[in-house]
Amino acid sequence: MSVSPVNLINFSNPLQSSSQSVAAAQSSFSDALKNAVGTVNQSVQSADNMVTGLANGTSNEDLHNVMIAMQKADIMLKTAVQVRDRVISAYQNVMNMQV
C-alpha cells in the first residue's frame, strides 16, 4: 500500500514580503485607478462623439443607441464621483485620527 505525500504550501516570512507587497499594492491600486478613470473618460468621449454625429447627421447610429451610451456615461461618471468622495472622506477620517 503506497501513501502519496501531502504537498504543503510554502509560506514565506511575512516580514520579508511586507515591503514587497506594499509596493505591489500601491502600484496595483494606482493602475486600477488609472484604468477606471480612463474607462470613464473614454465612455464620456464616445457618448459625446455619438451625440455630435447624430446632431450633424454624419452618424449611422439611431437615437436609441445614442441615449443608451449617454446614460451609461452618466452613470459611470456619477459612480466615479461617488467613489472619489468616499475615498477623500476615508482619507480625512484617517488623518483626523489621534495616535
PDB file of N, CA and C in Angstrom:
ATOM      1  N   MET A   1       0.843  -1.167   0.000  1.00  0.00           N
ATOM      2  CA  MET A   1       0.000   0.000   0.000  1.00  0.00           C
ATOM      3  C   MET A   1       0.893   1.237   0.000  1.00  0.00           C
ATOM      4  N   SER A   2       0.706   2.100  -0.968  1.00  0.00           N
ATOM      5  CA  SER A   2       1.543   3.300  -1.050  1.00  0.00           C
ATOM      6  C   SER A   2       0.740   4.531  -0.613  1.00  0.00           C
ATOM      7  N   VAL A   3       1.419   5.412   0.040  1.00  0.00           N
ATOM      8  CA  VAL A   3       0.806   6.638   0.532  1.00  0.00           C
ATOM      9  C   VAL A   3       1.443   7.809  -0.206  1.00  0.00           C
ATOM     10  N   SER A   4       0.620   8.627  -0.783  1.00  0.00           N
ATOM     11  CA  SER A   4       1.173   9.777  -1.505  1.00  0.00           C
ATOM     12  C   SER A   4       1.440  10.910  -0.519  1.00  0.00           C
ATOM     13  N   PRO A   5       2.526  11.645  -0.702  1.00  0.00           N
ATOM     14  CA  PRO A   5       2.865  12.715   0.232  1.00  0.00           C
ATOM     15  C   PRO A   5       1.918  13.904   0.097  1.00  0.00           C
ATOM     16  N   VAL A   6       1.753  14.606   1.179  1.00  0.00           N
ATOM     17  CA  VAL A   6       0.919  15.802   1.199  1.00  0.00           C
ATOM     18  C   VAL A   6       1.792  16.990   0.842  1.00  0.00           C
ATOM     19  N   ASN A   7       1.364  17.763  -0.133  1.00  0.00           N
ATOM     20  CA  ASN A   7       2.121  18.949  -0.532  1.00  0.00           C
ATOM     21  C   ASN A   7       1.707  20.116   0.347  1.00  0.00           C
ATOM     22  N   LEU A   8       2.653  20.609   1.096  1.00  0.00           N
ATOM     23  CA  LEU A   8       2.387  21.750   1.956  1.00  0.00           C
ATOM     24  C   LEU A   8       2.695  23.039   1.211  1.00  0.00           C
ATOM     25  N   ILE A   9       1.893  24.036   1.469  1.00  0.00           N
ATOM     26  CA  ILE A   9       2.133  25.341   0.859  1.00  0.00           C
ATOM     27  C   ILE A   9       3.318  25.974   1.558  1.00  0.00           C
ATOM     28  N   ASN A  10       4.245  26.486   0.790  1.00  0.00           N
ATOM     29  CA  ASN A  10       5.453  27.095   1.338  1.00  0.00           C
ATOM     30  C   ASN A  10       5.152  28.559   1.671  1.00  0.00           C
ATOM     31  N   PHE A  11       5.003  28.841   2.947  1.00  0.00           N
ATOM     32  CA  PHE A  11       4.748  30.203   3.377  1.00  0.00           C
ATOM     33  C   PHE A  11       6.072  30.902   3.620  1.00  0.00           C
ATOM     34  N   SER A  12       6.199  32.109   3.092  1.00  0.00           N
ATOM     35  CA  SER A  12       7.416  32.875   3.334  1.00  0.00           C
ATOM     36  C   SER A  12       7.232  33.717   4.586  1.00  0.00           C
ATOM     37  N   ASN A  13       8.293  34.274   5.035  1.00  0.00           N
ATOM     38  CA  ASN A  13       8.258  35.121   6.219  1.00  0.00           C
ATOM     39  C   ASN A  13       7.438  36.382   5.901  1.00  0.00           C
ATOM     40  N   PRO A  14       6.391  36.690   6.663  1.00  0.00           N
ATOM     41  CA  PRO A  14       5.558  37.841   6.347  1.00  0.00           C
ATOM     42  C   PRO A  14       6.296  39.165   6.468  1.00  0.00           C
ATOM     43  N   LEU A  15       7.325  39.234   7.310  1.00  0.00           N
ATOM     44  CA  LEU A  15       8.070  40.484   7.441  1.00  0.00           C
ATOM     45  C   LEU A  15       8.914  40.760   6.209  1.00  0.00           C
ATOM     46  N   GLN A  16       9.403  39.733   5.572  1.00  0.00           N
ATOM     47  CA  GLN A  16      10.203  39.914   4.370  1.00  0.00           C
ATOM     48  C   GLN A  16       9.341  40.309   3.184  1.00  0.00           C
ATOM     49  N   SER A  17       8.160  39.761   3.088  1.00  0.00           N
ATOM     50  CA  SER A  17       7.314  40.036   1.935  1.00  0.00           C
ATOM     51  C   SER A  17       6.447  41.276   2.117  1.00  0.00           C
ATOM     52  N   SER A  18       6.434  41.873   3.313  1.00  0.00           N
ATOM     53  CA  SER A  18       5.548  43.021   3.532  1.00  0.00           C
ATOM     54  C   SER A  18       5.973  44.232   2.730  1.00  0.00           C
ATOM     55  N   SER A  19       7.275  44.488   2.616  1.00  0.00           N
ATOM     56  CA  SER A  19       7.714  45.639   1.832  1.00  0.00           C
ATOM     57  C   SER A  19       7.432  45.430   0.356  1.00  0.00           C
ATOM     58  N   GLN A  20       7.559  44.200  -0.097  1.00  0.00           N
ATOM     59  CA  GLN A  20       7.248  43.914  -1.489  1.00  0.00           C
ATOM     60  C   GLN A  20       5.752  44.003  -1.736  1.00  0.00           C
ATOM     61  N   SER A  21       4.952  43.528  -0.804  1.00  0.00           N
ATOM     62  CA  SER A  21       3.509  43.546  -1.003  1.00  0.00           C
ATOM     63  C   SER A  21       2.954  44.964  -0.925  1.00  0.00           C
ATOM     64  N   VAL A  22       3.551  45.841  -0.120  1.00  0.00           N
ATOM     65  CA  VAL A  22       3.106  47.233  -0.046  1.00  0.00           C
ATOM     66  C   VAL A  22       3.369  47.927  -1.368  1.00  0.00           C
ATOM     67  N   ALA A  23       4.546  47.726  -1.913  1.00  0.00           N
ATOM     68  CA  ALA A  23       4.874  48.343  -3.204  1.00  0.00           C
ATOM     69  C   ALA A  23       3.972  47.798  -4.307  1.00  0.00           C
ATOM     70  N   ALA A  24       3.714  46.505  -4.268  1.00  0.00           N
ATOM     71  CA  ALA A  24       2.838  45.902  -5.276  1.00  0.00           C
ATOM     72  C   ALA A  24       1.414  46.413  -5.126  1.00  0.00           C
ATOM     73  N   ALA A  25       0.958  46.574  -3.893  1.00  0.00           N
ATOM     74  CA  ALA A  25      -0.397  47.071  -3.659  1.00  0.00           C
ATOM     75  C   ALA A  25      -0.530  48.511  -4.118  1.00  0.00           C
ATOM     76  N   GLN A  26       0.493  49.321  -3.880  1.00  0.00           N
ATOM     77  CA  GLN A  26       0.430  50.714  -4.305  1.00  0.00           C
ATOM     78  C   GLN A  26       0.389  50.814  -5.824  1.00  0.00           C
ATOM     79  N   SER A  27       1.229  50.050  -6.494  1.00  0.00           N
ATOM     80  CA  SER A  27       1.228  50.119  -7.955  1.00  0.00           C
ATOM     81  C   SER A  27      -0.053  49.522  -8.520  1.00  0.00           C
ATOM     82  N   SER A  28      -0.559  48.480  -7.891  1.00  0.00           N
ATOM     83  CA  SER A  28      -1.798  47.880  -8.358  1.00  0.00           C
ATOM     84  C   SER A  28      -2.978  48.814  -8.156  1.00  0.00           C
ATOM     85  N   PHE A  29      -3.024  49.523  -7.022  1.00  0.00           N
ATOM     86  CA  PHE A  29      -4.101  50.485  -6.781  1.00  0.00           C
ATOM     87  C   PHE A  29      -4.003  51.642  -7.763  1.00  0.00           C
ATOM     88  N   SER A  30      -2.786  52.100  -7.999  1.00  0.00           N
ATOM     89  CA  SER A  30      -2.566  53.189  -8.949  1.00  0.00           C
ATOM     90  C   SER A  30      -3.003  52.779 -10.346  1.00  0.00           C
ATOM     91  N   ASP A  31      -2.645  51.568 -10.758  1.00  0.00           N
ATOM     92  CA  ASP A  31      -3.036  51.089 -12.082  1.00  0.00           C
ATOM     93  C   ASP A  31      -4.551  50.939 -12.193  1.00  0.00           C
ATOM     94  N   ALA A  32      -5.170  50.422 -11.142  1.00  0.00           N
ATOM     95  CA  ALA A  32      -6.626  50.261 -11.158  1.00  0.00           C
ATOM     96  C   ALA A  32      -7.327  51.610 -11.240  1.00  0.00           C
ATOM     97  N   LEU A  33      -6.802  52.591 -10.523  1.00  0.00           N
ATOM     98  CA  LEU A  33      -7.388  53.928 -10.553  1.00  0.00           C
ATOM     99  C   LEU A  33      -7.230  54.561 -11.930  1.00  0.00           C
ATOM    100  N   LYS A  34      -6.057  54.428 -12.511  1.00  0.00           N
ATOM    101  CA  LYS A  34      -5.831  54.967 -13.859  1.00  0.00           C
ATOM    102  C   LYS A  34      -6.746  54.307 -14.876  1.00  0.00           C
ATOM    103  N   ASN A  35      -6.896  52.992 -14.789  1.00  0.00           N
ATOM    104  CA  ASN A  35      -7.773  52.273 -15.713  1.00  0.00           C
ATOM    105  C   ASN A  35      -9.224  52.704 -15.554  1.00  0.00           C
ATOM    106  N   ALA A  36      -9.666  52.891 -14.319  1.00  0.00           N
ATOM    107  CA  ALA A  36     -11.050  53.295 -14.073  1.00  0.00           C
ATOM    108  C   ALA A  36     -11.319  54.689 -14.625  1.00  0.00           C
ATOM    109  N   VAL A  37     -10.405  55.619 -14.351  1.00  0.00           N
ATOM    110  CA  VAL A  37     -10.581  56.984 -14.849  1.00  0.00           C
ATOM    111  C   VAL A  37     -10.512  56.992 -16.381  1.00  0.00           C
ATOM    112  N   GLY A  38      -9.617  56.215 -16.951  1.00  0.00           N
ATOM    113  CA  GLY A  38      -9.520  56.128 -18.406  1.00  0.00           C
ATOM    114  C   GLY A  38     -10.778  55.560 -19.040  1.00  0.00           C
ATOM    115  N   THR A  39     -11.359  54.556 -18.402  1.00  0.00           N
ATOM    116  CA  THR A  39     -12.594  53.963 -18.911  1.00  0.00           C
ATOM    117  C   THR A  39     -13.742  54.958 -18.870  1.00  0.00           C
ATOM    118  N   VAL A  40     -13.849  55.692 -17.770  1.00  0.00           N
ATOM    119  CA  VAL A  40     -14.904  56.707 -17.655  1.00  0.00           C
ATOM    120  C   VAL A  40     -14.711  57.781 -18.718  1.00  0.00           C
ATOM    121  N   ASN A  41     -13.478  58.237 -18.869  1.00  0.00           N
ATOM    122  CA  ASN A  41     -13.190  59.274 -19.860  1.00  0.00           C
ATOM    123  C   ASN A  41     -13.514  58.795 -21.272  1.00  0.00           C
ATOM    124  N   GLN A  42     -13.140  57.568 -21.584  1.00  0.00           N
ATOM    125  CA  GLN A  42     -13.412  57.018 -22.909  1.00  0.00           C
ATOM    126  C   GLN A  42     -14.917  56.900 -23.156  1.00  0.00           C
ATOM    127  N   SER A  43     -15.665  56.505 -22.158  1.00  0.00           N
ATOM    128  CA  SER A  43     -17.109  56.374 -22.288  1.00  0.00           C
ATOM    129  C   SER A  43     -17.769  57.730 -22.515  1.00  0.00           C
ATOM    130  N   VAL A  44     -17.324  58.741 -21.772  1.00  0.00           N
ATOM    131  CA  VAL A  44     -17.892  60.087 -21.934  1.00  0.00           C
ATOM    132  C   VAL A  44     -17.561  60.637 -23.320  1.00  0.00           C
ATOM    133  N   GLN A  45     -16.327  60.454 -23.765  1.00  0.00           N
ATOM    134  CA  GLN A  45     -15.945  60.943 -25.093  1.00  0.00           C
ATOM    135  C   GLN A  45     -16.687  60.213 -26.202  1.00  0.00           C
ATOM    136  N   SER A  46     -16.875  58.921 -26.045  1.00  0.00           N
ATOM    137  CA  SER A  46     -17.611  58.146 -27.041  1.00  0.00           C
ATOM    138  C   SER A  46     -19.062  58.619 -27.127  1.00  0.00           C
ATOM    139  N   ALA A  47     -19.691  58.830 -25.981  1.00  0.00           N
ATOM    140  CA  ALA A  47     -21.071  59.312 -25.980  1.00  0.00           C
ATOM    141  C   ALA A  47     -21.151  60.706 -26.594  1.00  0.00           C
ATOM    142  N   ASP A  48     -20.177  61.553 -26.297  1.00  0.00           N
ATOM    143  CA  ASP A  48     -20.151  62.903 -26.861  1.00  0.00           C
ATOM    144  C   ASP A  48     -20.002  62.858 -28.381  1.00  0.00           C
ATOM    145  N   ASN A  49     -19.131  61.983 -28.860  1.00  0.00           N
ATOM    146  CA  ASN A  49     -18.958  61.840 -30.310  1.00  0.00           C
ATOM    147  C   ASN A  49     -20.221  61.316 -30.981  1.00  0.00           C
ATOM    148  N   MET A  50     -20.912  60.399 -30.309  1.00  0.00           N
ATOM    149  CA  MET A  50     -22.156  59.869 -30.861  1.00  0.00           C
ATOM    150  C   MET A  50     -23.224  60.957 -30.940  1.00  0.00           C
ATOM    151  N   VAL A  51     -23.300  61.787 -29.908  1.00  0.00           N
ATOM    152  CA  VAL A  51     -24.280  62.884 -29.916  1.00  0.00           C
ATOM    153  C   VAL A  51     -23.951  63.879 -31.022  1.00  0.00           C
ATOM    154  N   THR A  52     -22.676  64.209 -31.147  1.00  0.00           N
ATOM    155  CA  THR A  52     -22.260  65.146 -32.190  1.00  0.00           C
ATOM    156  C   THR A  52     -22.548  64.580 -33.578  1.00  0.00           C
ATOM    157  N   GLY A  53     -22.251  63.317 -33.775  1.00  0.00           N
ATOM    158  CA  GLY A  53     -22.531  62.681 -35.062  1.00  0.00           C
ATOM    159  C   GLY A  53     -24.010  62.626 -35.367  1.00  0.00           C
ATOM    160  N   LEU A  54     -24.813  62.363 -34.356  1.00  0.00           N
ATOM    161  CA  LEU A  54     -26.265  62.320 -34.556  1.00  0.00           C
ATOM    162  C   LEU A  54     -26.808  63.710 -34.876  1.00  0.00           C
ATOM    163  N   ALA A  55     -26.291  64.726 -34.195  1.00  0.00           N
ATOM    164  CA  ALA A  55     -26.754  66.096 -34.436  1.00  0.00           C
ATOM    165  C   ALA A  55     -26.346  66.589 -35.825  1.00  0.00           C
ATOM    166  N   ASN A  56     -25.159  66.205 -36.269  1.00  0.00           N
ATOM    167  CA  ASN A  56     -24.682  66.616 -37.592  1.00  0.00           C
ATOM    168  C   ASN A  56     -25.280  65.782 -38.711  1.00  0.00           C
ATOM    169  N   GLY A  57     -25.799  64.625 -38.384  1.00  0.00           N
ATOM    170  CA  GLY A  57     -26.344  63.733 -39.397  1.00  0.00           C
ATOM    171  C   GLY A  57     -25.281  62.888 -40.065  1.00  0.00           C
ATOM    172  N   THR A  58     -24.068  62.884 -39.533  1.00  0.00           N
ATOM    173  CA  THR A  58     -22.983  62.107 -40.132  1.00  0.00           C
ATOM    174  C   THR A  58     -22.877  60.704 -39.545  1.00  0.00           C
ATOM    175  N   SER A  59     -23.633  60.410 -38.525  1.00  0.00           N
ATOM    176  CA  SER A  59     -23.558  59.109 -37.858  1.00  0.00           C
ATOM    177  C   SER A  59     -24.684  58.213 -38.339  1.00  0.00           C
ATOM    178  N   ASN A  60     -24.424  56.922 -38.371  1.00  0.00           N
ATOM    179  CA  ASN A  60     -25.472  55.971 -38.722  1.00  0.00           C
ATOM    180  C   ASN A  60     -26.113  55.367 -37.473  1.00  0.00           C
ATOM    181  N   GLU A  61     -25.778  55.884 -36.287  1.00  0.00           N
ATOM    182  CA  GLU A  61     -26.380  55.416 -35.034  1.00  0.00           C
ATOM    183  C   GLU A  61     -27.786  55.989 -34.896  1.00  0.00           C
ATOM    184  N   ASP A  62     -28.657  55.188 -34.321  1.00  0.00           N
ATOM    185  CA  ASP A  62     -30.000  55.702 -34.084  1.00  0.00           C
ATOM    186  C   ASP A  62     -30.076  56.353 -32.703  1.00  0.00           C
ATOM    187  N   LEU A  63     -31.135  57.072 -32.474  1.00  0.00           N
ATOM    188  CA  LEU A  63     -31.308  57.832 -31.236  1.00  0.00           C
ATOM    189  C   LEU A  63     -31.294  56.925 -30.011  1.00  0.00           C
ATOM    190  N   HIS A  64     -31.846  55.738 -30.157  1.00  0.00           N
ATOM    191  CA  HIS A  64     -31.916  54.790 -29.040  1.00  0.00           C
ATOM    192  C   HIS A  64     -30.512  54.438 -28.538  1.00  0.00           C
ATOM    193  N   ASN A  65     -29.600  54.081 -29.430  1.00  0.00           N
ATOM    194  CA  ASN A  65     -28.234  53.717 -29.029  1.00  0.00           C
ATOM    195  C   ASN A  65     -27.473  54.907 -28.461  1.00  0.00           C
ATOM    196  N   VAL A  66     -27.716  56.098 -29.012  1.00  0.00           N
ATOM    197  CA  VAL A  66     -27.057  57.302 -28.509  1.00  0.00           C
ATOM    198  C   VAL A  66     -27.511  57.603 -27.080  1.00  0.00           C
ATOM    199  N   MET A  67     -28.795  57.464 -26.824  1.00  0.00           N
ATOM    200  CA  MET A  67     -29.311  57.717 -25.472  1.00  0.00           C
ATOM    201  C   MET A  67     -28.786  56.684 -24.475  1.00  0.00           C
ATOM    202  N   ILE A  68     -28.671  55.452 -24.898  1.00  0.00           N
ATOM    203  CA  ILE A  68     -28.115  54.420 -24.011  1.00  0.00           C
ATOM    204  C   ILE A  68     -26.661  54.733 -23.692  1.00  0.00           C
ATOM    205  N   ALA A  69     -25.894  55.140 -24.700  1.00  0.00           N
ATOM    206  CA  ALA A  69     -24.483  55.486 -24.471  1.00  0.00           C
ATOM    207  C   ALA A  69     -24.368  56.683 -23.535  1.00  0.00           C
ATOM    208  N   MET A  70     -25.255  57.657 -23.692  1.00  0.00           N
ATOM    209  CA  MET A  70     -25.231  58.826 -22.805  1.00  0.00           C
ATOM    210  C   MET A  70     -25.551  58.436 -21.371  1.00  0.00           C
ATOM    211  N   GLN A  71     -26.527  57.573 -21.179  1.00  0.00           N
ATOM    212  CA  GLN A  71     -26.895  57.144 -19.831  1.00  0.00           C
ATOM    213  C   GLN A  71     -25.777  56.319 -19.180  1.00  0.00           C
ATOM    214  N   LYS A  72     -25.137  55.449 -19.964  1.00  0.00           N
ATOM    215  CA  LYS A  72     -24.013  54.671 -19.426  1.00  0.00           C
ATOM    216  C   LYS A  72     -22.881  55.592 -18.989  1.00  0.00           C
ATOM    217  N   ALA A  73     -22.568  56.582 -19.821  1.00  0.00           N
ATOM    218  CA  ALA A  73     -21.503  57.526 -19.482  1.00  0.00           C
ATOM    219  C   ALA A  73     -21.874  58.331 -18.244  1.00  0.00           C
ATOM    220  N   ASP A  74     -23.122  58.728 -18.140  1.00  0.00           N
ATOM    221  CA  ASP A  74     -23.581  59.497 -16.979  1.00  0.00           C
ATOM    222  C   ASP A  74     -23.485  58.670 -15.700  1.00  0.00           C
ATOM    223  N   ILE A  75     -23.903  57.426 -15.761  1.00  0.00           N
ATOM    224  CA  ILE A  75     -23.840  56.554 -14.582  1.00  0.00           C
ATOM    225  C   ILE A  75     -22.393  56.292 -14.184  1.00  0.00           C
ATOM    226  N   MET A  76     -21.519  56.056 -15.169  1.00  0.00           N
ATOM    227  CA  MET A  76     -20.113  55.819 -14.866  1.00  0.00           C
ATOM    228  C   MET A  76     -19.477  57.050 -14.231  1.00  0.00           C
ATOM    229  N   LEU A  77     -19.811  58.232 -14.739  1.00  0.00           N
ATOM    230  CA  LEU A  77     -19.253  59.462 -14.189  1.00  0.00           C
ATOM    231  C   LEU A  77     -19.763  59.707 -12.768  1.00  0.00           C
ATOM    232  N   LYS A  78     -21.046  59.490 -12.537  1.00  0.00           N
ATOM    233  CA  LYS A  78     -21.598  59.665 -11.188  1.00  0.00           C
ATOM    234  C   LYS A  78     -20.974  58.673 -10.205  1.00  0.00           C
ATOM    235  N   THR A  79     -20.764  57.446 -10.657  1.00  0.00           N
ATOM    236  CA  THR A  79     -20.136  56.440  -9.800  1.00  0.00           C
ATOM    237  C   THR A  79     -18.705  56.832  -9.463  1.00  0.00           C
ATOM    238  N   ALA A  80     -17.974  57.328 -10.451  1.00  0.00           N
ATOM    239  CA  ALA A  80     -16.592  57.764 -10.210  1.00  0.00           C
ATOM    240  C   ALA A  80     -16.547  58.920  -9.219  1.00  0.00           C
ATOM    241  N   VAL A  81     -17.487  59.842  -9.316  1.00  0.00           N
ATOM    242  CA  VAL A  81     -17.533  60.963  -8.379  1.00  0.00           C
ATOM    243  C   VAL A  81     -17.855  60.468  -6.971  1.00  0.00           C
ATOM    244  N   GLN A  82     -18.771  59.508  -6.846  1.00  0.00           N
ATOM    245  CA  GLN A  82     -19.107  58.960  -5.535  1.00  0.00           C
ATOM    246  C   GLN A  82     -17.916  58.228  -4.919  1.00  0.00           C
ATOM    247  N   VAL A  83     -17.197  57.468  -5.727  1.00  0.00           N
ATOM    248  CA  VAL A  83     -16.012  56.766  -5.219  1.00  0.00           C
ATOM    249  C   VAL A  83     -14.964  57.771  -4.772  1.00  0.00           C
ATOM    250  N   ARG A  84     -14.756  58.816  -5.574  1.00  0.00           N
ATOM    251  CA  ARG A  84     -13.785  59.849  -5.201  1.00  0.00           C
ATOM    252  C   ARG A  84     -14.167  60.504  -3.879  1.00  0.00           C
ATOM    253  N   ASP A  85     -15.446  60.844  -3.729  1.00  0.00           N
ATOM    254  CA  ASP A  85     -15.899  61.476  -2.493  1.00  0.00           C
ATOM    255  C   ASP A  85     -15.687  60.570  -1.284  1.00  0.00           C
ATOM    256  N   ARG A  86     -15.949  59.288  -1.448  1.00  0.00           N
ATOM    257  CA  ARG A  86     -15.776  58.358  -0.330  1.00  0.00           C
ATOM    258  C   ARG A  86     -14.314  58.125   0.001  1.00  0.00           C
ATOM    259  N   VAL A  87     -13.466  58.109  -1.015  1.00  0.00           N
ATOM    260  CA  VAL A  87     -12.031  57.953  -0.770  1.00  0.00           C
ATOM    261  C   VAL A  87     -11.498  59.175  -0.035  1.00  0.00           C
ATOM    262  N   ILE A  88     -11.918  60.356  -0.436  1.00  0.00           N
ATOM    263  CA  ILE A  88     -11.486  61.588   0.239  1.00  0.00           C
ATOM    264  C   ILE A  88     -11.989  61.602   1.674  1.00  0.00           C
ATOM    265  N   SER A  89     -13.224  61.187   1.876  1.00  0.00           N
ATOM    266  CA  SER A  89     -13.778  61.138   3.232  1.00  0.00           C
ATOM    267  C   SER A  89     -13.009  60.144   4.105  1.00  0.00           C
ATOM    268  N   ALA A  90     -12.677  58.985   3.555  1.00  0.00           N
ATOM    269  CA  ALA A  90     -11.909  57.997   4.316  1.00  0.00           C
ATOM    270  C   ALA A  90     -10.522  58.532   4.641  1.00  0.00           C
ATOM    271  N   TYR A  91      -9.899  59.197   3.682  1.00  0.00           N
ATOM    272  CA  TYR A  91      -8.577  59.781   3.917  1.00  0.00           C
ATOM    273  C   TYR A  91      -8.647  60.830   5.025  1.00  0.00           C
ATOM    274  N   GLN A  92      -9.676  61.669   4.999  1.00  0.00           N
ATOM    275  CA  GLN A  92      -9.823  62.684   6.043  1.00  0.00           C
ATOM    276  C   GLN A  92     -10.061  62.055   7.402  1.00  0.00           C
ATOM    277  N   ASN A  93     -10.823  60.973   7.448  1.00  0.00           N
ATOM    278  CA  ASN A  93     -11.050  60.267   8.718  1.00  0.00           C
ATOM    279  C   ASN A  93      -9.755  59.691   9.264  1.00  0.00           C
ATOM    280  N   VAL A  94      -8.934  59.139   8.393  1.00  0.00           N
ATOM    281  CA  VAL A  94      -7.658  58.566   8.831  1.00  0.00           C
ATOM    282  C   VAL A  94      -6.741  59.683   9.312  1.00  0.00           C
ATOM    283  N   MET A  95      -6.693  60.792   8.627  1.00  0.00           N
ATOM    284  CA  MET A  95      -5.818  61.889   9.003  1.00  0.00           C
ATOM    285  C   MET A  95      -6.266  62.562  10.299  1.00  0.00           C
ATOM    286  N   ASN A  96      -7.537  62.499  10.629  1.00  0.00           N
ATOM    287  CA  ASN A  96      -8.053  63.104  11.850  1.00  0.00           C
ATOM    288  C   ASN A  96      -7.950  62.192  13.069  1.00  0.00           C
ATOM    289  N   MET A  97      -7.506  60.963  12.870  1.00  0.00           N
ATOM    290  CA  MET A  97      -7.365  60.038  13.991  1.00  0.00           C
ATOM    291  C   MET A  97      -6.219  60.494  14.884  1.00  0.00           C
ATOM    292  N   GLN A  98      -6.447  60.367  16.171  1.00  0.00           N
ATOM    293  CA  GLN A  98      -5.391  60.698  17.125  1.00  0.00           C
ATOM    294  C   GLN A  98      -4.625  59.437  17.458  1.00  0.00           C
ATOM    295  N   VAL A  99      -3.324  59.577  17.485  1.00  0.00           N
ATOM    296  CA  VAL A  99      -2.474  58.416  17.753  1.00  0.00           C
ATOM    297  C   VAL A  99      -2.138  58.350  19.216  1.00  0.00           C
TER     298      VAL A  99
END
